Amino acid sequence: MRYMNKSMKQINKDIFDEINIEAVDISGIENIVTPNIVNINECYILDLENELSSKNINWNRLMKMHGDRTGYEASCNELRINDYVDDNKTRDEILIYGLRSLHSWKDKLKRDYPNQKFVLILSVNEKFVTLRFHAKREGENWLSSDLERYQESILVEEL
């Protein structure tokens, strides 16, 4: 299921509907398009450096800081696409990389964790394109269901 606020619907109409996302050249950003995602203590976490271990994580402290597993995941699984591409890329090009990454993350999560549901979020403001995800859990929400209350453009993909 895919949801967008009005701002993202306009971007979708202007940009995303006209390109083949799977044909986007990802050379140079493969590590973010196809990242390592690990399950530690029922939290699904981006591990771009392949170095995460449950013994390095203080779960009590993290739950106090973030409130729940969903908040923790949404926080540590935030990736600003701008940080991984050349400065000369336009916002539209960075958005395309973000959408390509979202598609890849979605496929990877479905393949690696077929029994778990996830929420992927692509957001865009005047400076950054941000991608994040968290597991979908009963009674835990990171994002409001009213996407119009956010100033940035938001796309939510649930699987």
Protein backbone atom coordinates (compact mmCIF):
# COMPACT_ATOMS: atom_id res chain seq x y z
CA MET A 1 0.00 0.00 0.00
CA ARG A 2 1.36 3.44 -0.94
CA TYR A 3 0.32 6.80 0.53
CA MET A 4 1.46 10.33 -0.35
CA ASN A 5 0.65 13.81 0.78
CA LYS A 6 -0.41 16.36 -1.86
CA SER A 7 3.10 17.75 -2.17
CA MET A 8 4.55 14.31 -2.96
CA LYS A 9 1.69 13.56 -5.36
CA GLN A 10 2.76 16.59 -7.39
CA ILE A 11 6.37 15.42 -7.40
CA ASN A 12 5.20 11.94 -8.34
CA LYS A 13 3.22 13.33 -11.27
CA ASP A 14 6.08 15.57 -12.42
CA ILE A 15 9.00 13.16 -12.04
CA PHE A 16 8.43 9.60 -10.97
CA ASP A 17 5.72 8.70 -13.44
CA GLU A 18 8.05 9.42 -16.35
CA ILE A 19 11.09 7.24 -15.52
CA ASN A 20 11.93 3.57 -15.23
CA ILE A 21 13.19 3.38 -11.63
CA GLU A 22 14.87 0.00 -12.12
CA ALA A 23 16.95 1.43 -15.00
CA VAL A 24 18.49 4.16 -12.82
CA ASP A 25 22.29 3.90 -12.71
CA ILE A 26 23.28 3.29 -9.09
CA SER A 27 27.04 3.09 -9.57
CA GLY A 28 28.71 4.78 -6.64
CA ILE A 29 25.77 4.39 -4.26
CA GLU A 30 25.32 0.62 -4.26
CA ASN A 31 25.92 0.42 -0.49
CA ILE A 32 22.82 2.51 0.22
CA VAL A 33 20.64 1.06 -2.52
CA THR A 34 21.34 -2.51 -1.38
CA PRO A 35 22.32 -2.14 2.29
CA ASN A 36 22.87 -4.77 4.92
CA ILE A 37 19.84 -4.90 7.24
CA VAL A 38 20.13 -6.91 10.44
CA ASN A 39 17.62 -8.16 12.99
CA ILE A 40 18.86 -7.47 16.49
CA ASN A 41 16.45 -8.07 19.36
CA GLU A 42 13.46 -7.82 16.95
CA CYS A 43 14.67 -4.46 15.64
CA TYR A 44 15.55 -4.24 11.96
CA ILE A 45 18.52 -1.95 11.55
CA LEU A 46 20.59 -0.60 8.66
CA ASP A 47 24.15 -1.83 9.06
CA LEU A 48 26.04 -0.07 6.29
CA GLU A 49 29.42 -0.88 7.84
CA ASN A 50 28.57 -4.53 8.70
CA GLU A 51 29.56 -3.99 12.32
CA LEU A 52 26.40 -4.12 14.45
CA SER A 53 26.19 -6.56 17.32
CA SER A 54 23.55 -6.93 20.03
CA LYS A 55 26.21 -6.87 22.74
CA ASN A 56 27.07 -3.27 21.76
CA ILE A 57 23.50 -2.02 22.30
CA ASN A 58 22.05 -0.88 25.63
CA TRP A 59 18.36 -1.69 25.02
CA ASN A 60 17.06 -0.20 28.27
CA ARG A 61 18.67 3.16 27.50
CA LEU A 62 17.45 3.10 23.88
CA MET A 63 13.86 2.35 24.84
CA LYS A 64 13.90 5.23 27.35
CA MET A 65 15.27 7.58 24.66
CA HIS A 66 13.02 6.51 21.78
CA GLY A 67 9.91 5.26 23.59
CA ASP A 68 9.60 2.01 21.66
CA ARG A 69 11.25 -0.19 19.02
CA THR A 70 9.50 1.66 16.19
CA GLY A 71 10.91 5.00 17.32
CA TYR A 72 14.37 3.50 17.64
CA GLU A 73 14.23 1.95 14.17
CA ALA A 74 12.89 5.11 12.53
CA SER A 75 15.71 7.06 14.14
CA CYS A 76 18.63 4.78 13.32
CA ASN A 77 17.31 3.79 9.89
CA GLU A 78 17.24 7.38 8.66
CA LEU A 79 19.45 7.88 5.63
CA ARG A 80 19.88 11.21 3.85
CA ILE A 81 20.44 10.39 0.19
CA ASN A 82 22.20 13.76 -0.32
CA ASP A 83 25.06 12.56 1.88
CA TYR A 84 25.91 9.79 -0.60
CA VAL A 85 25.73 11.57 -3.96
CA ASP A 86 27.77 14.27 -5.68
CA ASP A 87 27.00 17.85 -4.73
CA ASN A 88 26.28 18.68 -8.37
CA LYS A 89 23.16 16.47 -8.48
CA THR A 90 19.82 18.23 -8.74
CA ARG A 91 17.03 17.64 -6.25
CA ASP A 92 15.14 15.69 -8.91
CA GLU A 93 18.13 13.39 -9.50
CA ILE A 94 18.51 12.84 -5.76
CA LEU A 95 14.80 12.09 -5.52
CA ILE A 96 15.17 9.45 -8.21
CA TYR A 97 18.02 7.85 -6.25
CA GLY A 98 15.78 7.94 -3.18
CA LEU A 99 12.94 6.20 -4.97
CA ARG A 100 15.32 3.64 -6.47
CA SER A 101 16.67 2.95 -2.97
CA LEU A 102 13.13 2.65 -1.57
CA HIS A 103 12.28 0.01 -4.19
CA SER A 104 15.44 -1.92 -3.42
CA TRP A 105 14.94 -1.74 0.37
CA LYS A 106 11.36 -2.93 -0.07
CA ASP A 107 12.48 -5.95 -2.11
CA LYS A 108 15.26 -6.77 0.35
CA LEU A 109 13.00 -6.54 3.39
CA LYS A 110 10.36 -8.75 1.74
CA ARG A 111 12.99 -11.30 0.78
CA ASP A 112 15.00 -11.34 4.02
CA TYR A 113 12.10 -10.95 6.48
CA PRO A 114 9.02 -12.34 4.69
CA ASN A 115 6.94 -12.69 7.88
CA GLN A 116 7.46 -9.10 9.04
CA LYS A 117 5.53 -6.05 7.82
CA PHE A 118 7.42 -2.79 7.29
CA VAL A 119 6.80 0.91 6.68
CA LEU A 120 9.19 2.76 4.37
CA ILE A 121 9.16 6.55 4.29
CA LEU A 122 10.64 8.83 1.64
CA SER A 123 10.56 12.51 2.59
CA VAL A 124 11.72 15.58 0.70
CA ASN A 125 12.22 19.13 1.86
CA GLU A 126 14.02 22.05 0.27
CA LYS A 127 17.44 20.64 1.28
CA PHE A 128 17.30 16.89 1.74
CA VAL A 129 15.85 13.64 0.44
CA THR A 130 15.54 11.23 3.35
CA LEU A 131 14.69 7.54 3.37
CA ARG A 132 13.92 5.49 6.45
CA PHE A 133 12.01 2.41 7.52
CA HIS A 134 10.68 0.62 10.57
CA ALA A 135 8.82 -2.59 11.29
CA LYS A 136 5.07 -2.26 11.53
CA ARG A 137 3.97 -3.05 15.09
CA GLU A 138 0.57 -3.01 16.72
CA GLY A 139 0.14 0.10 18.89
CA GLU A 140 3.39 1.75 17.73
CA ASN A 141 3.40 4.54 15.16
CA TRP A 142 6.23 6.83 14.18
CA LEU A 143 4.42 8.91 11.58
CA SER A 144 0.95 10.44 11.79
CA SER A 145 -1.65 8.94 9.46
CA ASP A 146 -2.49 12.53 8.40
CA LEU A 147 0.40 13.15 5.99
CA GLU A 148 -0.92 16.63 5.15
CA ARG A 149 0.19 17.89 8.54
CA TYR A 150 3.84 17.62 7.46
CA GLN A 151 5.49 20.44 5.57
CA GLU A 152 7.80 18.19 3.58
CA SER A 153 6.71 15.93 0.75
CA ILE A 154 6.13 12.40 2.06
CA LEU A 155 5.66 9.02 0.46
CA VAL A 156 4.84 6.04 2.69
CA GLU A 157 5.08 2.48 1.41
CA GLU A 158 3.69 -0.30 3.60
CA LEU A 159 4.47 -3.93 2.99
